[in-house]
Amino acid sequence: MPQEPAFSLATPPLRQRPHWPPRASWQVARASPLRRLWLALLNLRLHPLLREGMVGGIIGILAGWVIAWAALWLTA
């Protein structure tokens, strides 16, 4: 005599499924990760002096790289 399985492997009927609450807006992946990063950078709130200091530091580092590259290119 064939034995019944202990539980059904098929999905239960719709009326027996649990009701999942609708997902929140932050759980729905609409924007790509790069877009989310860009939006986060745009929304970054810093003190103006800190922000200008960060920008100045980044520009200074880039300028240092350009000067070093130019010096290597001129002396090669």
PDB file of N, CA and C in Angstrom:
ATOM      1  N   MET A   1       0.849  -1.182   0.000  1.00  0.00           N
ATOM      2  CA  MET A   1       0.000   0.000   0.000  1.00  0.00           C
ATOM      3  C   MET A   1       0.893   1.244   0.000  1.00  0.00           C
ATOM      4  N   PRO A   2       0.644   2.209  -0.906  1.00  0.00           N
ATOM      5  CA  PRO A   2       1.526   3.390  -0.958  1.00  0.00           C
ATOM      6  C   PRO A   2       1.379   4.251   0.283  1.00  0.00           C
ATOM      7  N   GLN A   3       2.513   4.754   0.723  1.00  0.00           N
ATOM      8  CA  GLN A   3       2.519   5.563   1.949  1.00  0.00           C
ATOM      9  C   GLN A   3       2.365   7.036   1.590  1.00  0.00           C
ATOM     10  N   GLU A   4       1.558   7.746   2.361  1.00  0.00           N
ATOM     11  CA  GLU A   4       1.368   9.190   2.147  1.00  0.00           C
ATOM     12  C   GLU A   4       2.583   9.950   2.686  1.00  0.00           C
ATOM     13  N   PRO A   5       3.034  10.989   2.015  1.00  0.00           N
ATOM     14  CA  PRO A   5       4.140  11.788   2.578  1.00  0.00           C
ATOM     15  C   PRO A   5       3.694  12.499   3.848  1.00  0.00           C
ATOM     16  N   ALA A   6       4.653  12.745   4.714  1.00  0.00           N
ATOM     17  CA  ALA A   6       4.334  13.392   5.993  1.00  0.00           C
ATOM     18  C   ALA A   6       3.818  14.810   5.771  1.00  0.00           C
ATOM     19  N   PHE A   7       4.333  15.487   4.746  1.00  0.00           N
ATOM     20  CA  PHE A   7       3.841  16.830   4.429  1.00  0.00           C
ATOM     21  C   PHE A   7       3.878  16.991   2.920  1.00  0.00           C
ATOM     22  N   SER A   8       3.014  17.831   2.432  1.00  0.00           N
ATOM     23  CA  SER A   8       2.929  18.030   0.994  1.00  0.00           C
ATOM     24  C   SER A   8       4.096  18.895   0.525  1.00  0.00           C
ATOM     25  N   LEU A   9       4.734  18.458  -0.543  1.00  0.00           N
ATOM     26  CA  LEU A   9       5.836  19.241  -1.095  1.00  0.00           C
ATOM     27  C   LEU A   9       5.339  20.352  -2.013  1.00  0.00           C
ATOM     28  N   ALA A  10       4.078  20.286  -2.409  1.00  0.00           N
ATOM     29  CA  ALA A  10       3.520  21.341  -3.243  1.00  0.00           C
ATOM     30  C   ALA A  10       3.194  22.554  -2.383  1.00  0.00           C
ATOM     31  N   THR A  11       3.066  23.698  -3.040  1.00  0.00           N
ATOM     32  CA  THR A  11       2.719  24.904  -2.280  1.00  0.00           C
ATOM     33  C   THR A  11       1.287  24.781  -1.787  1.00  0.00           C
ATOM     34  N   PRO A  12       1.016  25.257  -0.609  1.00  0.00           N
ATOM     35  CA  PRO A  12      -0.348  25.155  -0.083  1.00  0.00           C
ATOM     36  C   PRO A  12      -1.294  26.035  -0.889  1.00  0.00           C
ATOM     37  N   PRO A  13      -2.577  25.776  -0.812  1.00  0.00           N
ATOM     38  CA  PRO A  13      -3.522  26.633  -1.523  1.00  0.00           C
ATOM     39  C   PRO A  13      -3.458  28.066  -1.019  1.00  0.00           C
ATOM     40  N   LEU A  14      -3.977  28.966  -1.823  1.00  0.00           N
ATOM     41  CA  LEU A  14      -3.839  30.389  -1.545  1.00  0.00           C
ATOM     42  C   LEU A  14      -4.433  30.760  -0.194  1.00  0.00           C
ATOM     43  N   ARG A  15      -5.545  30.143   0.178  1.00  0.00           N
ATOM     44  CA  ARG A  15      -6.207  30.532   1.431  1.00  0.00           C
ATOM     45  C   ARG A  15      -5.391  30.127   2.653  1.00  0.00           C
ATOM     46  N   GLN A  16      -4.454  29.206   2.497  1.00  0.00           N
ATOM     47  CA  GLN A  16      -3.660  28.780   3.650  1.00  0.00           C
ATOM     48  C   GLN A  16      -2.320  29.508   3.741  1.00  0.00           C
ATOM     49  N   ARG A  17      -1.983  30.247   2.708  1.00  0.00           N
ATOM     50  CA  ARG A  17      -0.705  30.962   2.758  1.00  0.00           C
ATOM     51  C   ARG A  17      -0.788  32.107   3.752  1.00  0.00           C
ATOM     52  N   PRO A  18       0.300  32.395   4.433  1.00  0.00           N
ATOM     53  CA  PRO A  18       0.279  33.547   5.347  1.00  0.00           C
ATOM     54  C   PRO A  18       0.178  34.845   4.556  1.00  0.00           C
ATOM     55  N   HIS A  19      -0.432  35.817   5.141  1.00  0.00           N
ATOM     56  CA  HIS A  19      -0.564  37.112   4.489  1.00  0.00           C
ATOM     57  C   HIS A  19       0.677  37.933   4.794  1.00  0.00           C
ATOM     58  N   TRP A  20       1.484  38.185   3.770  1.00  0.00           N
ATOM     59  CA  TRP A  20       2.689  38.979   3.972  1.00  0.00           C
ATOM     60  C   TRP A  20       2.323  40.453   3.910  1.00  0.00           C
ATOM     61  N   PRO A  21       2.820  41.255   4.833  1.00  0.00           N
ATOM     62  CA  PRO A  21       2.536  42.690   4.759  1.00  0.00           C
ATOM     63  C   PRO A  21       3.226  43.297   3.537  1.00  0.00           C
ATOM     64  N   PRO A  22       2.680  44.361   2.989  1.00  0.00           N
ATOM     65  CA  PRO A  22       3.338  44.992   1.838  1.00  0.00           C
ATOM     66  C   PRO A  22       4.718  45.511   2.236  1.00  0.00           C
ATOM     67  N   ARG A  23       5.631  45.424   1.287  1.00  0.00           N
ATOM     68  CA  ARG A  23       7.008  45.831   1.601  1.00  0.00           C
ATOM     69  C   ARG A  23       7.107  47.346   1.687  1.00  0.00           C
ATOM     70  N   ALA A  24       7.996  47.786   2.560  1.00  0.00           N
ATOM     71  CA  ALA A  24       8.224  49.222   2.707  1.00  0.00           C
ATOM     72  C   ALA A  24       8.995  49.741   1.493  1.00  0.00           C
ATOM     73  N   SER A  25       8.982  51.054   1.316  1.00  0.00           N
ATOM     74  CA  SER A  25       9.621  51.636   0.133  1.00  0.00           C
ATOM     75  C   SER A  25      11.131  51.392   0.143  1.00  0.00           C
ATOM     76  N   TRP A  26      11.743  51.342   1.332  1.00  0.00           N
ATOM     77  CA  TRP A  26      13.193  51.143   1.360  1.00  0.00           C
ATOM     78  C   TRP A  26      13.563  49.697   1.059  1.00  0.00           C
ATOM     79  N   GLN A  27      12.571  48.776   1.106  1.00  0.00           N
ATOM     80  CA  GLN A  27      12.862  47.382   0.794  1.00  0.00           C
ATOM     81  C   GLN A  27      12.747  47.099  -0.702  1.00  0.00           C
ATOM     82  N   VAL A  28      12.121  47.989  -1.435  1.00  0.00           N
ATOM     83  CA  VAL A  28      11.933  47.778  -2.866  1.00  0.00           C
ATOM     84  C   VAL A  28      13.136  48.376  -3.580  1.00  0.00           C
ATOM     85  N   ALA A  29      13.882  47.531  -4.280  1.00  0.00           N
ATOM     86  CA  ALA A  29      15.105  47.992  -4.948  1.00  0.00           C
ATOM     87  C   ALA A  29      14.725  48.616  -6.284  1.00  0.00           C
ATOM     88  N   ARG A  30      14.515  49.916  -6.277  1.00  0.00           N
ATOM     89  CA  ARG A  30      14.190  50.614  -7.523  1.00  0.00           C
ATOM     90  C   ARG A  30      15.458  51.201  -8.145  1.00  0.00           C
ATOM     91  N   ALA A  31      16.258  51.870  -7.338  1.00  0.00           N
ATOM     92  CA  ALA A  31      17.452  52.544  -7.854  1.00  0.00           C
ATOM     93  C   ALA A  31      18.638  51.583  -7.820  1.00  0.00           C
ATOM     94  N   SER A  32      19.504  51.729  -8.783  1.00  0.00           N
ATOM     95  CA  SER A  32      20.708  50.910  -8.819  1.00  0.00           C
ATOM     96  C   SER A  32      21.640  51.344  -7.683  1.00  0.00           C
ATOM     97  N   PRO A  33      22.582  50.475  -7.282  1.00  0.00           N
ATOM     98  CA  PRO A  33      23.501  50.847  -6.194  1.00  0.00           C
ATOM     99  C   PRO A  33      24.292  52.122  -6.483  1.00  0.00           C
ATOM    100  N   LEU A  34      24.711  52.324  -7.743  1.00  0.00           N
ATOM    101  CA  LEU A  34      25.463  53.542  -8.062  1.00  0.00           C
ATOM    102  C   LEU A  34      24.587  54.774  -7.899  1.00  0.00           C
ATOM    103  N   ARG A  35      23.332  54.654  -8.318  1.00  0.00           N
ATOM    104  CA  ARG A  35      22.420  55.794  -8.174  1.00  0.00           C
ATOM    105  C   ARG A  35      22.154  56.081  -6.706  1.00  0.00           C
ATOM    106  N   ARG A  36      22.008  55.012  -5.912  1.00  0.00           N
ATOM    107  CA  ARG A  36      21.796  55.218  -4.476  1.00  0.00           C
ATOM    108  C   ARG A  36      23.010  55.877  -3.832  1.00  0.00           C
ATOM    109  N   LEU A  37      24.218  55.466  -4.260  1.00  0.00           N
ATOM    110  CA  LEU A  37      25.436  56.082  -3.719  1.00  0.00           C
ATOM    111  C   LEU A  37      25.503  57.552  -4.114  1.00  0.00           C
ATOM    112  N   TRP A  38      25.160  57.861  -5.363  1.00  0.00           N
ATOM    113  CA  TRP A  38      25.189  59.250  -5.825  1.00  0.00           C
ATOM    114  C   TRP A  38      24.182  60.089  -5.048  1.00  0.00           C
ATOM    115  N   LEU A  39      22.977  59.549  -4.827  1.00  0.00           N
ATOM    116  CA  LEU A  39      21.973  60.288  -4.065  1.00  0.00           C
ATOM    117  C   LEU A  39      22.415  60.485  -2.617  1.00  0.00           C
ATOM    118  N   ALA A  40      23.082  59.473  -2.048  1.00  0.00           N
ATOM    119  CA  ALA A  40      23.572  59.611  -0.677  1.00  0.00           C
ATOM    120  C   ALA A  40      24.651  60.689  -0.602  1.00  0.00           C
ATOM    121  N   LEU A  41      25.523  60.746  -1.621  1.00  0.00           N
ATOM    122  CA  LEU A  41      26.562  61.781  -1.626  1.00  0.00           C
ATOM    123  C   LEU A  41      25.952  63.168  -1.795  1.00  0.00           C
ATOM    124  N   LEU A  42      24.886  63.257  -2.606  1.00  0.00           N
ATOM    125  CA  LEU A  42      24.233  64.552  -2.784  1.00  0.00           C
ATOM    126  C   LEU A  42      23.538  65.005  -1.503  1.00  0.00           C
ATOM    127  N   ASN A  43      23.020  64.049  -0.735  1.00  0.00           N
ATOM    128  CA  ASN A  43      22.277  64.389   0.478  1.00  0.00           C
ATOM    129  C   ASN A  43      23.176  64.517   1.702  1.00  0.00           C
ATOM    130  N   LEU A  44      24.486  64.367   1.507  1.00  0.00           N
ATOM    131  CA  LEU A  44      25.405  64.432   2.641  1.00  0.00           C
ATOM    132  C   LEU A  44      25.406  65.838   3.225  1.00  0.00           C
ATOM    133  N   ARG A  45      25.084  65.941   4.488  1.00  0.00           N
ATOM    134  CA  ARG A  45      25.031  67.246   5.153  1.00  0.00           C
ATOM    135  C   ARG A  45      26.246  67.379   6.076  1.00  0.00           C
ATOM    136  N   LEU A  46      27.117  68.300   5.724  1.00  0.00           N
ATOM    137  CA  LEU A  46      28.298  68.559   6.542  1.00  0.00           C
ATOM    138  C   LEU A  46      28.381  70.052   6.817  1.00  0.00           C
ATOM    139  N   HIS A  47      29.148  70.382   7.833  1.00  0.00           N
ATOM    140  CA  HIS A  47      29.441  71.780   8.089  1.00  0.00           C
ATOM    141  C   HIS A  47      30.197  72.335   6.882  1.00  0.00           C
ATOM    142  N   PRO A  48      29.899  73.566   6.450  1.00  0.00           N
ATOM    143  CA  PRO A  48      30.566  74.097   5.240  1.00  0.00           C
ATOM    144  C   PRO A  48      32.082  74.088   5.326  1.00  0.00           C
ATOM    145  N   LEU A  49      32.642  74.382   6.502  1.00  0.00           N
ATOM    146  CA  LEU A  49      34.103  74.369   6.618  1.00  0.00           C
ATOM    147  C   LEU A  49      34.650  72.960   6.433  1.00  0.00           C
ATOM    148  N   LEU A  50      33.944  71.965   6.976  1.00  0.00           N
ATOM    149  CA  LEU A  50      34.386  70.581   6.785  1.00  0.00           C
ATOM    150  C   LEU A  50      34.295  70.191   5.316  1.00  0.00           C
ATOM    151  N   ARG A  51      33.188  70.603   4.685  1.00  0.00           N
ATOM    152  CA  ARG A  51      33.000  70.233   3.288  1.00  0.00           C
ATOM    153  C   ARG A  51      34.070  70.884   2.412  1.00  0.00           C
ATOM    154  N   GLU A  52      34.348  72.175   2.655  1.00  0.00           N
ATOM    155  CA  GLU A  52      35.377  72.850   1.868  1.00  0.00           C
ATOM    156  C   GLU A  52      36.756  72.268   2.160  1.00  0.00           C
ATOM    157  N   GLY A  53      36.982  71.872   3.400  1.00  0.00           N
ATOM    158  CA  GLY A  53      38.261  71.255   3.730  1.00  0.00           C
ATOM    159  C   GLY A  53      38.441  69.927   3.030  1.00  0.00           C
ATOM    160  N   MET A  54      37.355  69.149   2.971  1.00  0.00           N
ATOM    161  CA  MET A  54      37.437  67.872   2.271  1.00  0.00           C
ATOM    162  C   MET A  54      37.702  68.088   0.789  1.00  0.00           C
ATOM    163  N   VAL A  55      36.997  69.051   0.196  1.00  0.00           N
ATOM    164  CA  VAL A  55      37.186  69.323  -1.236  1.00  0.00           C
ATOM    165  C   VAL A  55      38.603  69.828  -1.480  1.00  0.00           C
ATOM    166  N   GLY A  56      39.085  70.723  -0.614  1.00  0.00           N
ATOM    167  CA  GLY A  56      40.443  71.231  -0.770  1.00  0.00           C
ATOM    168  C   GLY A  56      41.482  70.134  -0.634  1.00  0.00           C
ATOM    169  N   GLY A  57      41.274  69.230   0.298  1.00  0.00           N
ATOM    170  CA  GLY A  57      42.215  68.122   0.470  1.00  0.00           C
ATOM    171  C   GLY A  57      42.245  67.208  -0.743  1.00  0.00           C
ATOM    172  N   ILE A  58      41.063  66.919  -1.276  1.00  0.00           N
ATOM    173  CA  ILE A  58      41.003  66.049  -2.454  1.00  0.00           C
ATOM    174  C   ILE A  58      41.675  66.729  -3.646  1.00  0.00           C
ATOM    175  N   ILE A  59      41.397  68.023  -3.833  1.00  0.00           N
ATOM    176  CA  ILE A  59      42.022  68.756  -4.946  1.00  0.00           C
ATOM    177  C   ILE A  59      43.534  68.825  -4.743  1.00  0.00           C
ATOM    178  N   GLY A  60      43.969  69.013  -3.494  1.00  0.00           N
ATOM    179  CA  GLY A  60      45.404  69.052  -3.224  1.00  0.00           C
ATOM    180  C   GLY A  60      46.087  67.736  -3.534  1.00  0.00           C
ATOM    181  N   ILE A  61      45.456  66.636  -3.175  1.00  0.00           N
ATOM    182  CA  ILE A  61      46.042  65.322  -3.465  1.00  0.00           C
ATOM    183  C   ILE A  61      46.120  65.103  -4.972  1.00  0.00           C
ATOM    184  N   LEU A  62      45.037  65.450  -5.677  1.00  0.00           N
ATOM    185  CA  LEU A  62      45.049  65.298  -7.138  1.00  0.00           C
ATOM    186  C   LEU A  62      46.115  66.189  -7.772  1.00  0.00           C
ATOM    187  N   ALA A  63      46.252  67.416  -7.276  1.00  0.00           N
ATOM    188  CA  ALA A  63      47.276  68.315  -7.817  1.00  0.00           C
ATOM    189  C   ALA A  63      48.671  67.751  -7.566  1.00  0.00           C
ATOM    190  N   GLY A  64      48.878  67.153  -6.397  1.00  0.00           N
ATOM    191  CA  GLY A  64      50.170  66.532  -6.115  1.00  0.00           C
ATOM    192  C   GLY A  64      50.484  65.406  -7.084  1.00  0.00           C
ATOM    193  N   TRP A  65      49.472  64.583  -7.387  1.00  0.00           N
ATOM    194  CA  TRP A  65      49.675  63.511  -8.358  1.00  0.00           C
ATOM    195  C   TRP A  65      50.010  64.076  -9.736  1.00  0.00           C
ATOM    196  N   VAL A  66      49.326  65.131 -10.144  1.00  0.00           N
ATOM    197  CA  VAL A  66      49.584  65.724 -11.465  1.00  0.00           C
ATOM    198  C   VAL A  66      50.989  66.312 -11.515  1.00  0.00           C
ATOM    199  N   ILE A  67      51.405  66.987 -10.445  1.00  0.00           N
ATOM    200  CA  ILE A  67      52.749  67.582 -10.414  1.00  0.00           C
ATOM    201  C   ILE A  67      53.810  66.488 -10.435  1.00  0.00           C
ATOM    202  N   ALA A  68      53.592  65.407  -9.670  1.00  0.00           N
ATOM    203  CA  ALA A  68      54.560  64.308  -9.667  1.00  0.00           C
ATOM    204  C   ALA A  68      54.634  63.649 -11.044  1.00  0.00           C
ATOM    205  N   TRP A  69      53.474  63.458 -11.684  1.00  0.00           N
ATOM    206  CA  TRP A  69      53.463  62.859 -13.025  1.00  0.00           C
ATOM    207  C   TRP A  69      54.185  63.764 -14.024  1.00  0.00           C
ATOM    208  N   ALA A  70      53.952  65.082 -13.924  1.00  0.00           N
ATOM    209  CA  ALA A  70      54.609  66.015 -14.838  1.00  0.00           C
ATOM    210  C   ALA A  70      56.117  66.017 -14.604  1.00  0.00           C
ATOM    211  N   ALA A  71      56.539  65.956 -13.343  1.00  0.00           N
ATOM    212  CA  ALA A  71      57.977  65.935 -13.055  1.00  0.00           C
ATOM    213  C   ALA A  71      58.614  64.665 -13.608  1.00  0.00           C
ATOM    214  N   LEU A  72      57.934  63.525 -13.443  1.00  0.00           N
ATOM    215  CA  LEU A  72      58.479  62.281 -13.993  1.00  0.00           C
ATOM    216  C   LEU A  72      58.519  62.336 -15.521  1.00  0.00           C
ATOM    217  N   TRP A  73      57.512  62.940 -16.128  1.00  0.00           N
ATOM    218  CA  TRP A  73      57.453  63.015 -17.587  1.00  0.00           C
ATOM    219  C   TRP A  73      58.550  63.938 -18.126  1.00  0.00           C
ATOM    220  N   LEU A  74      58.806  65.053 -17.395  1.00  0.00           N
ATOM    221  CA  LEU A  74      59.824  65.997 -17.854  1.00  0.00           C
ATOM    222  C   LEU A  74      61.229  65.453 -17.675  1.00  0.00           C
ATOM    223  N   THR A  75      61.443  64.653 -16.638  1.00  0.00           N
ATOM    224  CA  THR A  75      62.802  64.168 -16.358  1.00  0.00           C
ATOM    225  C   THR A  75      63.077  62.830 -17.023  1.00  0.00           C
ATOM    226  N   ALA A  76      62.115  62.270 -17.717  1.00  0.00           N
ATOM    227  CA  ALA A  76      62.338  60.951 -18.335  1.00  0.00           C
ATOM    228  C   ALA A  76      63.231  61.070 -19.567  1.00  0.00           C
TER     229      ALA A  76
END
